[in-house]
């Protein structure tokens, strides 16, 4: 039976976790001379890399809601910082791909690794059925938030 009080407690916990994650990301950006959008871009690039997907500047800009000029400025800034590189596509030399430099990955692990490790430790306390519920809930919230875009 639905319990609005219990459900709102979970929604508020999710909001609080989101705020703390955003603050963690903002501190990382500030310490490393980056804009919060730079961090979002690096996350998008790393997610694409993990999925085996190539990332062009146009696709990155679309994911971040940036226009062409904003995307170029973003990639230029990240390239100057040594976090990304532009690479010609091996199949179509006219196309330029954006790749994350290993130094950016290492920098991210220095800051986010302990947090990721703690999250994994917490997840180890759940059985497969509970993990499926967590996965379903978080995926549903992500999809609902993306629908607002």
C-alpha atoms as a PDB file:
ATOM      1  CA  UNK A   1       0.000   0.000   0.000  1.00  0.00           C
ATOM      2  CA  UNK A   2       1.387   3.432  -0.937  1.00  0.00           C
ATOM      3  CA  UNK A   3       2.727   5.501   1.944  1.00  0.00           C
ATOM      4  CA  UNK A   4       3.181   9.118   0.804  1.00  0.00           C
ATOM      5  CA  UNK A   5       5.297  10.000   3.830  1.00  0.00           C
ATOM      6  CA  UNK A   6       7.717   7.114   3.212  1.00  0.00           C
ATOM      7  CA  UNK A   7       7.826   7.867  -0.513  1.00  0.00           C
ATOM      8  CA  UNK A   8       8.552  11.562   0.064  1.00  0.00           C
ATOM      9  CA  UNK A   9      11.312  10.631   2.512  1.00  0.00           C
ATOM     10  CA  UNK A  10      13.005   8.677  -0.295  1.00  0.00           C
ATOM     11  CA  UNK A  11      12.469  11.515  -2.785  1.00  0.00           C
ATOM     12  CA  UNK A  12      14.032  13.964  -0.318  1.00  0.00           C
ATOM     13  CA  UNK A  13      16.978  11.624   0.275  1.00  0.00           C
ATOM     14  CA  UNK A  14      17.510  11.413  -3.490  1.00  0.00           C
ATOM     15  CA  UNK A  15      17.403  15.207  -3.724  1.00  0.00           C
ATOM     16  CA  UNK A  16      19.900  15.530  -0.856  1.00  0.00           C
ATOM     17  CA  UNK A  17      22.233  12.985  -2.496  1.00  0.00           C
ATOM     18  CA  UNK A  18      21.966  14.885  -5.792  1.00  0.00           C
ATOM     19  CA  UNK A  19      22.860  18.156  -4.062  1.00  0.00           C
ATOM     20  CA  UNK A  20      25.887  16.565  -2.346  1.00  0.00           C
ATOM     21  CA  UNK A  21      27.066  15.012  -5.629  1.00  0.00           C
ATOM     22  CA  UNK A  22      26.708  18.389  -7.354  1.00  0.00           C
ATOM     23  CA  UNK A  23      28.724  20.076  -4.607  1.00  0.00           C
ATOM     24  CA  UNK A  24      31.420  17.394  -4.886  1.00  0.00           C
ATOM     25  CA  UNK A  25      31.565  17.957  -8.638  1.00  0.00           C
ATOM     26  CA  UNK A  26      31.688  21.753  -8.200  1.00  0.00           C
ATOM     27  CA  UNK A  27      34.584  21.467  -5.731  1.00  0.00           C
ATOM     28  CA  UNK A  28      36.424  19.239  -8.221  1.00  0.00           C
ATOM     29  CA  UNK A  29      35.831  21.776 -10.999  1.00  0.00           C
ATOM     30  CA  UNK A  30      36.956  24.680  -8.831  1.00  0.00           C
ATOM     31  CA  UNK A  31      40.134  22.918  -7.643  1.00  0.00           C
ATOM     32  CA  UNK A  32      41.070  22.113 -11.227  1.00  0.00           C
ATOM     33  CA  UNK A  33      40.281  25.451 -12.895  1.00  0.00           C
ATOM     34  CA  UNK A  34      37.234  24.084 -14.674  1.00  0.00           C
ATOM     35  CA  UNK A  35      33.643  25.141 -15.201  1.00  0.00           C
ATOM     36  CA  UNK A  36      30.883  22.730 -14.045  1.00  0.00           C
ATOM     37  CA  UNK A  37      29.998  22.213 -17.720  1.00  0.00           C
ATOM     38  CA  UNK A  38      33.580  21.031 -18.289  1.00  0.00           C
ATOM     39  CA  UNK A  39      33.017  18.290 -15.721  1.00  0.00           C
ATOM     40  CA  UNK A  40      29.713  17.311 -17.358  1.00  0.00           C
ATOM     41  CA  UNK A  41      31.523  17.130 -20.697  1.00  0.00           C
ATOM     42  CA  UNK A  42      34.242  14.878 -19.300  1.00  0.00           C
ATOM     43  CA  UNK A  43      31.602  12.596 -17.790  1.00  0.00           C
ATOM     44  CA  UNK A  44      29.772  12.417 -21.133  1.00  0.00           C
ATOM     45  CA  UNK A  45      33.040  11.617 -22.916  1.00  0.00           C
ATOM     46  CA  UNK A  46      33.974   8.905 -20.412  1.00  0.00           C
ATOM     47  CA  UNK A  47      30.478   7.389 -20.579  1.00  0.00           C
ATOM     48  CA  UNK A  48      30.727   7.281 -24.386  1.00  0.00           C
ATOM     49  CA  UNK A  49      34.164   5.695 -24.192  1.00  0.00           C
ATOM     50  CA  UNK A  50      32.924   3.008 -21.767  1.00  0.00           C
ATOM     51  CA  UNK A  51      30.030   2.284 -24.147  1.00  0.00           C
ATOM     52  CA  UNK A  52      32.432   2.034 -27.109  1.00  0.00           C
ATOM     53  CA  UNK A  53      30.838   5.067 -28.770  1.00  0.00           C
ATOM     54  CA  UNK A  54      32.652   7.784 -30.645  1.00  0.00           C
ATOM     55  CA  UNK A  55      32.048  11.403 -29.679  1.00  0.00           C
ATOM     56  CA  UNK A  56      32.124  14.324 -32.066  1.00  0.00           C
ATOM     57  CA  UNK A  57      31.941  17.928 -30.940  1.00  0.00           C
ATOM     58  CA  UNK A  58      28.443  18.162 -32.410  1.00  0.00           C
ATOM     59  CA  UNK A  59      27.193  15.180 -30.454  1.00  0.00           C
ATOM     60  CA  UNK A  60      28.853  16.448 -27.263  1.00  0.00           C
ATOM     61  CA  UNK A  61      27.252  19.856 -27.700  1.00  0.00           C
ATOM     62  CA  UNK A  62      23.834  18.284 -28.231  1.00  0.00           C
ATOM     63  CA  UNK A  63      24.210  16.192 -25.070  1.00  0.00           C
ATOM     64  CA  UNK A  64      25.149  19.277 -23.055  1.00  0.00           C
ATOM     65  CA  UNK A  65      22.638  21.638 -24.684  1.00  0.00           C
ATOM     66  CA  UNK A  66      25.337  23.892 -26.118  1.00  0.00           C
ATOM     67  CA  UNK A  67      25.426  25.695 -29.447  1.00  0.00           C
ATOM     68  CA  UNK A  68      28.335  25.254 -31.858  1.00  0.00           C
ATOM     69  CA  UNK A  69      30.322  28.246 -30.554  1.00  0.00           C
ATOM     70  CA  UNK A  70      29.848  27.162 -26.931  1.00  0.00           C
ATOM     71  CA  UNK A  71      30.918  23.622 -27.758  1.00  0.00           C
ATOM     72  CA  UNK A  72      34.036  24.833 -29.565  1.00  0.00           C
ATOM     73  CA  UNK A  73      34.960  27.041 -26.585  1.00  0.00           C
ATOM     74  CA  UNK A  74      34.382  24.099 -24.219  1.00  0.00           C
ATOM     75  CA  UNK A  75      36.539  21.687 -26.232  1.00  0.00           C
ATOM     76  CA  UNK A  76      39.249  24.344 -26.682  1.00  0.00           C
ATOM     77  CA  UNK A  77      39.281  24.943 -22.906  1.00  0.00           C
ATOM     78  CA  UNK A  78      39.470  21.223 -22.071  1.00  0.00           C
ATOM     79  CA  UNK A  79      42.174  20.727 -24.695  1.00  0.00           C
ATOM     80  CA  UNK A  80      44.253  23.597 -23.242  1.00  0.00           C
ATOM     81  CA  UNK A  81      43.941  22.000 -19.799  1.00  0.00           C
ATOM     82  CA  UNK A  82      45.185  18.692 -21.256  1.00  0.00           C
ATOM     83  CA  UNK A  83      41.942  16.838 -20.499  1.00  0.00           C
ATOM     84  CA  UNK A  84      40.864  16.033 -24.071  1.00  0.00           C
ATOM     85  CA  UNK A  85      42.317  15.747 -27.525  1.00  0.00           C
ATOM     86  CA  UNK A  86      40.891  16.086 -31.004  1.00  0.00           C
ATOM     87  CA  UNK A  87      41.581  13.036 -33.151  1.00  0.00           C
ATOM     88  CA  UNK A  88      40.822  12.510 -36.833  1.00  0.00           C
ATOM     89  CA  UNK A  89      38.441   9.618 -37.452  1.00  0.00           C
ATOM     90  CA  UNK A  90      40.410   6.762 -39.004  1.00  0.00           C
ATOM     91  CA  UNK A  91      37.536   5.902 -41.371  1.00  0.00           C
ATOM     92  CA  UNK A  92      36.546   9.437 -42.334  1.00  0.00           C
ATOM     93  CA  UNK A  93      39.425  11.908 -42.095  1.00  0.00           C
ATOM     94  CA  UNK A  94      36.967  14.835 -42.389  1.00  0.00           C
ATOM     95  CA  UNK A  95      35.416  13.882 -39.069  1.00  0.00           C
ATOM     96  CA  UNK A  96      37.066  14.887 -35.779  1.00  0.00           C
ATOM     97  CA  UNK A  97      36.482  12.900 -32.610  1.00  0.00           C
ATOM     98  CA  UNK A  98      36.912  14.169 -29.060  1.00  0.00           C
ATOM     99  CA  UNK A  99      38.693  11.799 -26.676  1.00  0.00           C
ATOM    100  CA  UNK A 100      39.446  12.059 -22.963  1.00  0.00           C
ATOM    101  CA  UNK A 101      43.127  12.087 -22.097  1.00  0.00           C
ATOM    102  CA  UNK A 102      44.256   9.487 -19.566  1.00  0.00           C
ATOM    103  CA  UNK A 103      45.471  12.291 -17.280  1.00  0.00           C
ATOM    104  CA  UNK A 104      41.871  13.525 -16.958  1.00  0.00           C
ATOM    105  CA  UNK A 105      40.728  10.017 -16.039  1.00  0.00           C
ATOM    106  CA  UNK A 106      43.437   9.794 -13.372  1.00  0.00           C
ATOM    107  CA  UNK A 107      42.520  13.225 -12.035  1.00  0.00           C
ATOM    108  CA  UNK A 108      38.884  12.150 -11.827  1.00  0.00           C
ATOM    109  CA  UNK A 109      39.756   8.956  -9.970  1.00  0.00           C
ATOM    110  CA  UNK A 110      41.790  10.943  -7.445  1.00  0.00           C
ATOM    111  CA  UNK A 111      38.709  12.977  -6.569  1.00  0.00           C
ATOM    112  CA  UNK A 112      35.791  10.659  -7.291  1.00  0.00           C
ATOM    113  CA  UNK A 113      37.445   7.275  -6.665  1.00  0.00           C
ATOM    114  CA  UNK A 114      36.865   7.242  -2.883  1.00  0.00           C
ATOM    115  CA  UNK A 115      33.217   8.217  -3.401  1.00  0.00           C
ATOM    116  CA  UNK A 116      32.763   5.514  -6.050  1.00  0.00           C
ATOM    117  CA  UNK A 117      34.465   2.994  -3.773  1.00  0.00           C
ATOM    118  CA  UNK A 118      32.105   3.844  -0.912  1.00  0.00           C
ATOM    119  CA  UNK A 119      29.075   3.534  -3.203  1.00  0.00           C
ATOM    120  CA  UNK A 120      30.267   0.097  -4.343  1.00  0.00           C
ATOM    121  CA  UNK A 121      30.747  -0.957  -0.713  1.00  0.00           C
ATOM    122  CA  UNK A 122      27.170   0.088   0.022  1.00  0.00           C
ATOM    123  CA  UNK A 123      25.872  -1.827  -3.003  1.00  0.00           C
ATOM    124  CA  UNK A 124      27.686  -4.966  -1.845  1.00  0.00           C
ATOM    125  CA  UNK A 125      25.232  -5.060   1.065  1.00  0.00           C
ATOM    126  CA  UNK A 126      22.243  -5.672  -1.222  1.00  0.00           C
ATOM    127  CA  UNK A 127      21.075  -8.881  -2.870  1.00  0.00           C
ATOM    128  CA  UNK A 128      20.359  -9.148  -6.594  1.00  0.00           C
ATOM    129  CA  UNK A 129      16.623  -8.458  -6.191  1.00  0.00           C
ATOM    130  CA  UNK A 130      17.340  -5.302  -4.186  1.00  0.00           C
ATOM    131  CA  UNK A 131      19.969  -4.188  -6.709  1.00  0.00           C
ATOM    132  CA  UNK A 132      17.433  -4.636  -9.507  1.00  0.00           C
ATOM    133  CA  UNK A 133      14.979  -2.442  -7.574  1.00  0.00           C
ATOM    134  CA  UNK A 134      17.635   0.242  -7.011  1.00  0.00           C
ATOM    135  CA  UNK A 135      18.652   0.084 -10.669  1.00  0.00           C
ATOM    136  CA  UNK A 136      15.037   0.354 -11.786  1.00  0.00           C
ATOM    137  CA  UNK A 137      14.294   3.275  -9.480  1.00  0.00           C
ATOM    138  CA  UNK A 138      17.397   5.276 -10.416  1.00  0.00           C
ATOM    139  CA  UNK A 139      16.920   4.557 -14.113  1.00  0.00           C
ATOM    140  CA  UNK A 140      13.296   5.671 -13.885  1.00  0.00           C
ATOM    141  CA  UNK A 141      14.218   8.902 -12.088  1.00  0.00           C
ATOM    142  CA  UNK A 142      16.929   9.587 -14.669  1.00  0.00           C
ATOM    143  CA  UNK A 143      14.460   9.015 -17.505  1.00  0.00           C
ATOM    144  CA  UNK A 144      11.839  11.224 -15.829  1.00  0.00           C
ATOM    145  CA  UNK A 145      14.394  14.023 -15.383  1.00  0.00           C
ATOM    146  CA  UNK A 146      15.572  13.655 -19.003  1.00  0.00           C
ATOM    147  CA  UNK A 147      11.959  13.945 -20.149  1.00  0.00           C
ATOM    148  CA  UNK A 148      11.833  17.428 -18.650  1.00  0.00           C
ATOM    149  CA  UNK A 149      14.673  18.610 -20.892  1.00  0.00           C
END
